[in-house]
Amino acid sequence: MLKKLIPRKQVNSIYEIKLDELWEQGYRGIITDLDNTLVGAKAPLATPELIDWLKVVAHVGFQVVVVSNNQRTRVTKFAEPLSLPFIYRAKKPSSASFRKALQMMNLRAEEVVVIGDQMLTDVLGGNRMGLYTILVVPISLGDEGFFTKVNRRIEKAALTIMKR
């Protein structure tokens, strides 16, 4: 079980991800979390830096689907102005939302990368599906909800156990 919590790659932010390398390795799609991955948990809209990054992602040729455990209004308000397809109330790490995102992109698991800030939702869910998982450092820890704070404590304990 603990192995499923280990991402294939860790970076400080999405901006450190080498998109050209992923493309050369055969990846064609990105499933990305929203809160504390793309923007802070309370940031309603994309930053100019994120908009530029998404343009590069599209230019390289990637398809993107935002998969978030957050509510419809939050995810819609963020994703629609960017014309990004999305899944809200995803119930990650459940496989259903990841399967739906693969269908939306018409891609196979081995062609898709998952980017997220939580081991217990994004990484676990992606690894269970055989997706390439990238863990980013959360943008803002102070804005997180109750369940995310609980997850962070569990992640910390799991990391301690894995280091032994």
N, C-alpha and C. Protein backbone atom coordinates (compact mmCIF):
# COMPACT_ATOMS: atom_id res chain seq x y z
N MET A 1 0.83 -1.21 0.00
CA MET A 1 0.00 0.00 0.00
C MET A 1 0.86 1.26 0.00
N LEU A 2 1.90 1.29 0.85
CA LEU A 2 2.72 2.49 0.92
C LEU A 2 3.40 2.81 -0.40
N LYS A 3 3.74 1.78 -1.19
CA LYS A 3 4.37 2.02 -2.49
C LYS A 3 3.47 2.82 -3.41
N LYS A 4 2.17 2.63 -3.27
CA LYS A 4 1.21 3.35 -4.12
C LYS A 4 1.17 4.85 -3.79
N LEU A 5 1.75 5.24 -2.65
CA LEU A 5 1.79 6.65 -2.26
C LEU A 5 3.01 7.38 -2.80
N ILE A 6 3.92 6.64 -3.41
CA ILE A 6 5.17 7.24 -3.88
C ILE A 6 5.00 7.71 -5.32
N PRO A 7 5.20 9.01 -5.57
CA PRO A 7 5.08 9.53 -6.94
C PRO A 7 6.29 9.11 -7.78
N ARG A 8 6.10 9.10 -9.07
CA ARG A 8 7.22 8.81 -9.97
C ARG A 8 8.21 9.97 -9.99
N LYS A 9 7.68 11.18 -9.75
CA LYS A 9 8.53 12.38 -9.77
C LYS A 9 7.99 13.37 -8.76
N GLN A 10 8.89 14.18 -8.19
CA GLN A 10 8.50 15.27 -7.29
C GLN A 10 9.14 16.55 -7.78
N VAL A 11 8.36 17.63 -7.77
CA VAL A 11 8.85 18.95 -8.17
C VAL A 11 8.29 20.00 -7.22
N ASN A 12 8.91 21.16 -7.23
CA ASN A 12 8.43 22.23 -6.37
C ASN A 12 7.14 22.86 -6.89
N SER A 13 6.99 22.91 -8.21
CA SER A 13 5.77 23.48 -8.80
C SER A 13 5.60 22.95 -10.22
N ILE A 14 4.44 23.18 -10.78
CA ILE A 14 4.17 22.73 -12.15
C ILE A 14 5.16 23.34 -13.14
N TYR A 15 5.69 24.51 -12.80
CA TYR A 15 6.59 25.21 -13.72
C TYR A 15 7.94 24.53 -13.86
N GLU A 16 8.25 23.57 -13.00
CA GLU A 16 9.49 22.80 -13.09
C GLU A 16 9.35 21.54 -13.93
N ILE A 17 8.13 21.22 -14.33
CA ILE A 17 7.89 20.00 -15.11
C ILE A 17 8.41 20.20 -16.53
N LYS A 18 9.22 19.27 -16.98
CA LYS A 18 9.80 19.34 -18.32
C LYS A 18 8.82 18.72 -19.32
N LEU A 19 7.98 19.56 -19.85
CA LEU A 19 6.91 19.11 -20.75
C LEU A 19 7.45 18.43 -22.00
N ASP A 20 8.52 18.97 -22.59
CA ASP A 20 9.09 18.38 -23.80
C ASP A 20 9.57 16.95 -23.54
N GLU A 21 10.17 16.72 -22.37
CA GLU A 21 10.64 15.37 -22.03
C GLU A 21 9.47 14.41 -21.90
N LEU A 22 8.41 14.86 -21.25
CA LEU A 22 7.22 14.00 -21.12
C LEU A 22 6.66 13.65 -22.49
N TRP A 23 6.61 14.64 -23.38
CA TRP A 23 6.09 14.41 -24.72
C TRP A 23 6.96 13.38 -25.46
N GLU A 24 8.29 13.55 -25.35
CA GLU A 24 9.21 12.62 -26.00
C GLU A 24 9.06 11.20 -25.45
N GLN A 25 8.65 11.07 -24.20
CA GLN A 25 8.47 9.76 -23.57
C GLN A 25 7.11 9.14 -23.94
N GLY A 26 6.30 9.86 -24.71
CA GLY A 26 5.05 9.30 -25.20
C GLY A 26 3.80 9.72 -24.44
N TYR A 27 3.94 10.65 -23.52
CA TYR A 27 2.77 11.12 -22.79
C TYR A 27 2.05 12.16 -23.64
N ARG A 28 0.71 12.07 -23.62
CA ARG A 28 -0.11 12.97 -24.45
C ARG A 28 -1.20 13.69 -23.66
N GLY A 29 -1.41 13.29 -22.43
CA GLY A 29 -2.46 13.90 -21.64
C GLY A 29 -1.99 14.20 -20.23
N ILE A 30 -2.63 15.22 -19.63
CA ILE A 30 -2.35 15.61 -18.25
C ILE A 30 -3.67 15.68 -17.49
N ILE A 31 -3.72 14.92 -16.42
CA ILE A 31 -4.81 15.05 -15.45
C ILE A 31 -4.21 15.86 -14.31
N THR A 32 -4.80 17.00 -14.03
CA THR A 32 -4.24 17.83 -12.97
C THR A 32 -5.27 18.17 -11.92
N ASP A 33 -4.80 18.18 -10.69
CA ASP A 33 -5.59 18.67 -9.58
C ASP A 33 -5.70 20.19 -9.73
N LEU A 34 -6.59 20.79 -8.98
CA LEU A 34 -6.77 22.24 -9.02
C LEU A 34 -6.14 22.93 -7.81
N ASP A 35 -6.76 22.75 -6.65
CA ASP A 35 -6.36 23.50 -5.46
C ASP A 35 -4.98 23.10 -4.95
N ASN A 36 -4.15 24.11 -4.81
CA ASN A 36 -2.77 23.99 -4.33
C ASN A 36 -1.86 23.24 -5.28
N THR A 37 -2.36 22.98 -6.49
CA THR A 37 -1.53 22.43 -7.56
C THR A 37 -1.37 23.48 -8.65
N LEU A 38 -2.49 23.97 -9.17
CA LEU A 38 -2.45 25.01 -10.20
C LEU A 38 -2.49 26.40 -9.60
N VAL A 39 -3.31 26.58 -8.58
CA VAL A 39 -3.43 27.86 -7.85
C VAL A 39 -3.68 27.54 -6.38
N GLY A 40 -3.55 28.54 -5.54
CA GLY A 40 -3.86 28.35 -4.13
C GLY A 40 -5.31 27.94 -3.94
N ALA A 41 -5.59 27.28 -2.83
CA ALA A 41 -6.93 26.73 -2.58
C ALA A 41 -8.02 27.79 -2.58
N LYS A 42 -7.69 29.01 -2.28
CA LYS A 42 -8.70 30.08 -2.23
C LYS A 42 -8.64 31.01 -3.44
N ALA A 43 -7.70 30.78 -4.35
CA ALA A 43 -7.57 31.63 -5.54
C ALA A 43 -8.65 31.24 -6.54
N PRO A 44 -9.56 32.16 -6.87
CA PRO A 44 -10.68 31.79 -7.73
C PRO A 44 -10.31 31.59 -9.21
N LEU A 45 -9.30 32.31 -9.66
CA LEU A 45 -8.97 32.29 -11.09
C LEU A 45 -7.50 32.00 -11.32
N ALA A 46 -7.18 31.65 -12.56
CA ALA A 46 -5.79 31.38 -12.94
C ALA A 46 -4.96 32.66 -12.89
N THR A 47 -3.72 32.51 -12.51
CA THR A 47 -2.77 33.62 -12.52
C THR A 47 -2.25 33.80 -13.95
N PRO A 48 -1.70 34.97 -14.28
CA PRO A 48 -1.11 35.15 -15.61
C PRO A 48 -0.01 34.12 -15.89
N GLU A 49 0.77 33.78 -14.88
CA GLU A 49 1.83 32.78 -15.04
C GLU A 49 1.24 31.41 -15.40
N LEU A 50 0.15 31.05 -14.76
CA LEU A 50 -0.51 29.77 -15.06
C LEU A 50 -1.09 29.79 -16.47
N ILE A 51 -1.70 30.88 -16.85
CA ILE A 51 -2.26 30.99 -18.21
C ILE A 51 -1.15 30.79 -19.24
N ASP A 52 0.01 31.40 -19.01
CA ASP A 52 1.15 31.22 -19.93
C ASP A 52 1.60 29.76 -19.96
N TRP A 53 1.65 29.11 -18.78
CA TRP A 53 2.06 27.70 -18.70
C TRP A 53 1.08 26.82 -19.48
N LEU A 54 -0.21 27.08 -19.32
CA LEU A 54 -1.21 26.30 -20.04
C LEU A 54 -1.10 26.49 -21.55
N LYS A 55 -0.70 27.66 -21.98
CA LYS A 55 -0.47 27.89 -23.41
C LYS A 55 0.69 27.03 -23.92
N VAL A 56 1.74 26.93 -23.10
CA VAL A 56 2.87 26.08 -23.47
C VAL A 56 2.44 24.62 -23.51
N VAL A 57 1.67 24.20 -22.52
CA VAL A 57 1.15 22.83 -22.47
C VAL A 57 0.39 22.52 -23.76
N ALA A 58 -0.48 23.42 -24.16
CA ALA A 58 -1.27 23.23 -25.38
C ALA A 58 -0.37 23.25 -26.63
N HIS A 59 0.61 24.14 -26.64
CA HIS A 59 1.52 24.25 -27.77
C HIS A 59 2.32 22.95 -27.96
N VAL A 60 2.76 22.35 -26.85
CA VAL A 60 3.49 21.08 -26.93
C VAL A 60 2.57 20.00 -27.50
N GLY A 61 1.27 20.10 -27.21
CA GLY A 61 0.30 19.16 -27.76
C GLY A 61 -0.50 18.37 -26.74
N PHE A 62 -0.30 18.66 -25.47
CA PHE A 62 -1.00 17.92 -24.42
C PHE A 62 -2.47 18.29 -24.34
N GLN A 63 -3.28 17.29 -24.03
CA GLN A 63 -4.65 17.50 -23.61
C GLN A 63 -4.62 17.62 -22.09
N VAL A 64 -5.51 18.42 -21.53
CA VAL A 64 -5.55 18.61 -20.08
C VAL A 64 -6.98 18.45 -19.58
N VAL A 65 -7.12 17.74 -18.46
CA VAL A 65 -8.40 17.66 -17.76
C VAL A 65 -8.13 17.98 -16.29
N VAL A 66 -8.87 18.92 -15.75
CA VAL A 66 -8.78 19.24 -14.33
C VAL A 66 -9.69 18.26 -13.58
N VAL A 67 -9.12 17.56 -12.61
CA VAL A 67 -9.87 16.60 -11.80
C VAL A 67 -9.73 17.04 -10.34
N SER A 68 -10.84 17.48 -9.78
CA SER A 68 -10.82 18.06 -8.44
C SER A 68 -11.88 17.43 -7.54
N ASN A 69 -11.53 17.30 -6.28
CA ASN A 69 -12.52 16.84 -5.29
C ASN A 69 -13.42 17.98 -4.84
N ASN A 70 -13.14 19.19 -5.30
CA ASN A 70 -13.92 20.35 -4.87
C ASN A 70 -15.30 20.37 -5.53
N GLN A 71 -16.10 21.33 -5.10
CA GLN A 71 -17.49 21.47 -5.56
C GLN A 71 -17.58 22.04 -6.98
N ARG A 72 -18.73 21.83 -7.58
CA ARG A 72 -18.97 22.27 -8.96
C ARG A 72 -18.70 23.76 -9.17
N THR A 73 -19.22 24.61 -8.28
CA THR A 73 -19.07 26.05 -8.49
C THR A 73 -17.60 26.46 -8.50
N ARG A 74 -16.82 25.91 -7.59
CA ARG A 74 -15.39 26.24 -7.52
C ARG A 74 -14.67 25.84 -8.80
N VAL A 75 -14.87 24.61 -9.22
CA VAL A 75 -14.13 24.08 -10.37
C VAL A 75 -14.61 24.74 -11.66
N THR A 76 -15.91 24.93 -11.80
CA THR A 76 -16.47 25.58 -12.99
C THR A 76 -15.95 27.00 -13.14
N LYS A 77 -15.98 27.75 -12.05
CA LYS A 77 -15.52 29.15 -12.09
C LYS A 77 -14.06 29.25 -12.53
N PHE A 78 -13.26 28.27 -12.13
CA PHE A 78 -11.85 28.28 -12.51
C PHE A 78 -11.64 27.79 -13.94
N ALA A 79 -12.22 26.64 -14.30
CA ALA A 79 -11.89 25.96 -15.55
C ALA A 79 -12.57 26.53 -16.79
N GLU A 80 -13.81 26.98 -16.66
CA GLU A 80 -14.53 27.45 -17.85
C GLU A 80 -13.87 28.64 -18.55
N PRO A 81 -13.39 29.67 -17.83
CA PRO A 81 -12.73 30.77 -18.54
C PRO A 81 -11.48 30.33 -19.32
N LEU A 82 -10.90 29.19 -18.92
CA LEU A 82 -9.71 28.67 -19.59
C LEU A 82 -10.06 27.64 -20.66
N SER A 83 -11.35 27.36 -20.82
CA SER A 83 -11.83 26.34 -21.75
C SER A 83 -11.21 24.97 -21.46
N LEU A 84 -11.02 24.67 -20.17
CA LEU A 84 -10.47 23.39 -19.76
C LEU A 84 -11.60 22.43 -19.37
N PRO A 85 -11.59 21.23 -19.89
CA PRO A 85 -12.55 20.24 -19.41
C PRO A 85 -12.24 19.90 -17.96
N PHE A 86 -13.27 19.51 -17.21
CA PHE A 86 -13.04 19.27 -15.79
C PHE A 86 -14.01 18.24 -15.24
N ILE A 87 -13.60 17.68 -14.10
CA ILE A 87 -14.43 16.78 -13.32
C ILE A 87 -14.41 17.33 -11.91
N TYR A 88 -15.57 17.61 -11.35
CA TYR A 88 -15.67 18.10 -9.98
C TYR A 88 -16.17 16.98 -9.09
N ARG A 89 -16.07 17.17 -7.77
CA ARG A 89 -16.45 16.13 -6.81
C ARG A 89 -15.95 14.76 -7.26
N ALA A 90 -14.66 14.71 -7.57
CA ALA A 90 -14.06 13.52 -8.19
C ALA A 90 -13.92 12.32 -7.26
N LYS A 91 -13.95 12.56 -5.97
CA LYS A 91 -13.80 11.48 -4.99
C LYS A 91 -12.48 10.75 -5.14
N LYS A 92 -11.42 11.49 -5.49
CA LYS A 92 -10.09 10.89 -5.55
C LYS A 92 -9.73 10.39 -4.15
N PRO A 93 -9.12 9.25 -4.03
CA PRO A 93 -8.39 8.47 -5.04
C PRO A 93 -9.23 7.44 -5.80
N SER A 94 -10.53 7.52 -5.77
CA SER A 94 -11.36 6.58 -6.52
C SER A 94 -10.95 6.57 -8.00
N SER A 95 -10.96 5.41 -8.58
CA SER A 95 -10.53 5.25 -9.98
C SER A 95 -11.52 5.84 -10.98
N ALA A 96 -12.78 5.99 -10.58
CA ALA A 96 -13.82 6.42 -11.53
C ALA A 96 -13.49 7.74 -12.22
N SER A 97 -13.04 8.73 -11.45
CA SER A 97 -12.76 10.04 -12.05
C SER A 97 -11.54 9.99 -12.97
N PHE A 98 -10.57 9.18 -12.63
CA PHE A 98 -9.40 9.04 -13.50
C PHE A 98 -9.79 8.34 -14.80
N ARG A 99 -10.62 7.30 -14.70
CA ARG A 99 -11.10 6.61 -15.90
C ARG A 99 -11.90 7.56 -16.79
N LYS A 100 -12.75 8.38 -16.16
CA LYS A 100 -13.55 9.34 -16.93
C LYS A 100 -12.65 10.34 -17.65
N ALA A 101 -11.60 10.82 -16.97
CA ALA A 101 -10.67 11.76 -17.60
C ALA A 101 -9.95 11.11 -18.78
N LEU A 102 -9.56 9.85 -18.64
CA LEU A 102 -8.93 9.13 -19.76
C LEU A 102 -9.89 9.05 -20.94
N GLN A 103 -11.16 8.77 -20.67
CA GLN A 103 -12.16 8.70 -21.73
C GLN A 103 -12.35 10.06 -22.40
N MET A 104 -12.36 11.11 -21.59
CA MET A 104 -12.54 12.46 -22.14
C MET A 104 -11.41 12.82 -23.11
N MET A 105 -10.20 12.32 -22.81
CA MET A 105 -9.05 12.60 -23.67
C MET A 105 -8.86 11.53 -24.75
N ASN A 106 -9.61 10.42 -24.63
CA ASN A 106 -9.46 9.29 -25.53
C ASN A 106 -8.00 8.79 -25.55
N LEU A 107 -7.44 8.65 -24.33
CA LEU A 107 -6.06 8.18 -24.19
C LEU A 107 -6.02 6.98 -23.25
N ARG A 108 -4.93 6.23 -23.36
CA ARG A 108 -4.68 5.09 -22.47
C ARG A 108 -3.88 5.56 -21.26
N ALA A 109 -3.94 4.78 -20.19
CA ALA A 109 -3.26 5.14 -18.94
C ALA A 109 -1.77 5.41 -19.16
N GLU A 110 -1.13 4.62 -19.99
CA GLU A 110 0.32 4.79 -20.21
C GLU A 110 0.67 6.05 -20.99
N GLU A 111 -0.34 6.80 -21.43
CA GLU A 111 -0.11 8.05 -22.16
C GLU A 111 -0.41 9.28 -21.32
N VAL A 112 -0.73 9.08 -20.04
CA VAL A 112 -1.24 10.20 -19.24
C VAL A 112 -0.45 10.39 -17.95
N VAL A 113 -0.25 11.65 -17.61
CA VAL A 113 0.44 12.08 -16.40
C VAL A 113 -0.60 12.66 -15.44
N VAL A 114 -0.42 12.38 -14.15
CA VAL A 114 -1.25 13.00 -13.12
C VAL A 114 -0.37 13.97 -12.34
N ILE A 115 -0.84 15.20 -12.19
CA ILE A 115 -0.11 16.20 -11.40
C ILE A 115 -0.99 16.60 -10.23
N GLY A 116 -0.43 16.54 -9.03
CA GLY A 116 -1.21 16.93 -7.86
C GLY A 116 -0.33 17.18 -6.66
N ASP A 117 -0.94 17.72 -5.61
CA ASP A 117 -0.20 18.09 -4.41
C ASP A 117 -0.43 17.15 -3.23
N GLN A 118 -1.26 16.11 -3.42
CA GLN A 118 -1.56 15.22 -2.30
C GLN A 118 -1.26 13.76 -2.65
N MET A 119 -0.55 13.11 -1.74
CA MET A 119 -0.22 11.70 -1.94
C MET A 119 -1.45 10.82 -1.81
N LEU A 120 -2.36 11.16 -0.89
CA LEU A 120 -3.50 10.29 -0.62
C LEU A 120 -4.64 10.42 -1.62
N THR A 121 -4.60 11.41 -2.45
CA THR A 121 -5.66 11.57 -3.45
C THR A 121 -5.07 11.45 -4.86
N ASP A 122 -4.22 12.38 -5.23
CA ASP A 122 -3.69 12.45 -6.59
C ASP A 122 -2.72 11.31 -6.90
N VAL A 123 -1.72 11.13 -6.03
CA VAL A 123 -0.69 10.11 -6.29
C VAL A 123 -1.27 8.71 -6.15
N LEU A 124 -1.97 8.45 -5.07
CA LEU A 124 -2.56 7.13 -4.86
C LEU A 124 -3.52 6.78 -5.99
N GLY A 125 -4.40 7.70 -6.33
CA GLY A 125 -5.36 7.45 -7.40
C GLY A 125 -4.68 7.22 -8.74
N GLY A 126 -3.69 8.04 -9.06
CA GLY A 126 -2.96 7.88 -10.32
C GLY A 126 -2.17 6.59 -10.37
N ASN A 127 -1.46 6.28 -9.29
CA ASN A 127 -0.67 5.05 -9.26
C ASN A 127 -1.54 3.81 -9.37
N ARG A 128 -2.69 3.83 -8.74
CA ARG A 128 -3.60 2.68 -8.82
C ARG A 128 -4.06 2.42 -10.25
N MET A 129 -4.09 3.48 -11.06
CA MET A 129 -4.53 3.36 -12.46
C MET A 129 -3.36 3.13 -13.43
N GLY A 130 -2.13 3.14 -12.91
CA GLY A 130 -0.97 2.95 -13.77
C GLY A 130 -0.56 4.21 -14.51
N LEU A 131 -0.94 5.37 -13.99
CA LEU A 131 -0.57 6.65 -14.58
C LEU A 131 0.76 7.13 -14.02
N TYR A 132 1.45 7.97 -14.77
CA TYR A 132 2.71 8.55 -14.32
C TYR A 132 2.37 9.71 -13.37
N THR A 133 2.78 9.61 -12.12
CA THR A 133 2.38 10.60 -11.12
C THR A 133 3.50 11.57 -10.79
N ILE A 134 3.12 12.84 -10.72
CA ILE A 134 4.05 13.92 -10.35
C ILE A 134 3.44 14.65 -9.16
N LEU A 135 4.18 14.66 -8.07
CA LEU A 135 3.76 15.36 -6.86
C LEU A 135 4.40 16.73 -6.81
N VAL A 136 3.58 17.77 -6.63
CA VAL A 136 4.10 19.13 -6.49
C VAL A 136 3.96 19.57 -5.04
N VAL A 137 4.82 20.49 -4.64
CA VAL A 137 4.71 21.08 -3.31
C VAL A 137 3.45 21.95 -3.31
N PRO A 138 2.61 21.83 -2.29
CA PRO A 138 1.39 22.66 -2.25
C PRO A 138 1.71 24.15 -2.31
N ILE A 139 0.90 24.88 -3.05
CA ILE A 139 1.11 26.32 -3.21
C ILE A 139 0.90 27.06 -1.90
N SER A 140 -0.16 26.72 -1.18
CA SER A 140 -0.50 27.45 0.05
C SER A 140 -1.14 26.50 1.04
N LEU A 141 -0.44 26.20 2.13
CA LEU A 141 -0.98 25.26 3.12
C LEU A 141 -2.01 25.90 4.05
N GLY A 142 -1.95 27.19 4.23
CA GLY A 142 -2.84 27.86 5.18
C GLY A 142 -4.29 27.90 4.78
N ASP A 143 -4.59 27.72 3.50
CA ASP A 143 -5.96 27.84 3.00
C ASP A 143 -6.70 26.52 2.89
N GLU A 144 -6.13 25.44 3.38
CA GLU A 144 -6.70 24.13 3.14
C GLU A 144 -7.87 23.81 4.07
N GLY A 145 -8.76 22.97 3.57
CA GLY A 145 -9.91 22.54 4.33
C GLY A 145 -9.55 21.46 5.33
N PHE A 146 -10.53 21.09 6.14
CA PHE A 146 -10.35 20.12 7.21
C PHE A 146 -9.79 18.78 6.71
N PHE A 147 -10.43 18.20 5.68
CA PHE A 147 -10.02 16.89 5.21
C PHE A 147 -8.62 16.90 4.60
N THR A 148 -8.28 17.99 3.93
CA THR A 148 -6.95 18.10 3.37
C THR A 148 -5.91 18.15 4.49
N LYS A 149 -6.23 18.87 5.56
CA LYS A 149 -5.31 18.93 6.70
C LYS A 149 -5.13 17.55 7.32
N VAL A 150 -6.20 16.78 7.40
CA VAL A 150 -6.10 15.41 7.91
C VAL A 150 -5.21 14.58 6.98
N ASN A 151 -5.44 14.71 5.68
CA ASN A 151 -4.61 13.98 4.70
C ASN A 151 -3.14 14.32 4.86
N ARG A 152 -2.85 15.59 5.08
CA ARG A 152 -1.45 16.02 5.22
C ARG A 152 -0.79 15.32 6.42
N ARG A 153 -1.52 15.17 7.50
CA ARG A 153 -0.97 14.48 8.68
C ARG A 153 -0.71 13.01 8.38
N ILE A 154 -1.63 12.38 7.67
CA ILE A 154 -1.45 10.98 7.29
C ILE A 154 -0.26 10.84 6.34
N GLU A 155 -0.14 11.77 5.39
CA GLU A 155 0.99 11.76 4.47
C GLU A 155 2.30 11.88 5.22
N LYS A 156 2.34 12.76 6.19
CA LYS A 156 3.56 12.96 6.99
C LYS A 156 3.93 11.67 7.71
N ALA A 157 2.95 11.00 8.30
CA ALA A 157 3.21 9.72 8.98
C ALA A 157 3.69 8.67 7.99
N ALA A 158 3.07 8.60 6.82
CA ALA A 158 3.48 7.63 5.80
C ALA A 158 4.92 7.89 5.35
N LEU A 159 5.27 9.15 5.17
CA LEU A 159 6.65 9.49 4.78
C LEU A 159 7.64 9.07 5.84
N THR A 160 7.29 9.25 7.10
CA THR A 160 8.16 8.84 8.19
C THR A 160 8.38 7.33 8.15
N ILE A 161 7.32 6.59 7.93
CA ILE A 161 7.41 5.12 7.86
C ILE A 161 8.26 4.71 6.65
N MET A 162 8.05 5.37 5.49
CA MET A 162 8.78 5.01 4.28
C MET A 162 10.27 5.30 4.41
N LYS A 163 10.64 6.32 5.17
CA LYS A 163 12.05 6.67 5.32
C LYS A 163 12.81 5.63 6.14
N ARG A 164 12.09 4.87 6.97
CA ARG A 164 12.74 3.85 7.82
C ARG A 164 13.25 2.71 7.05
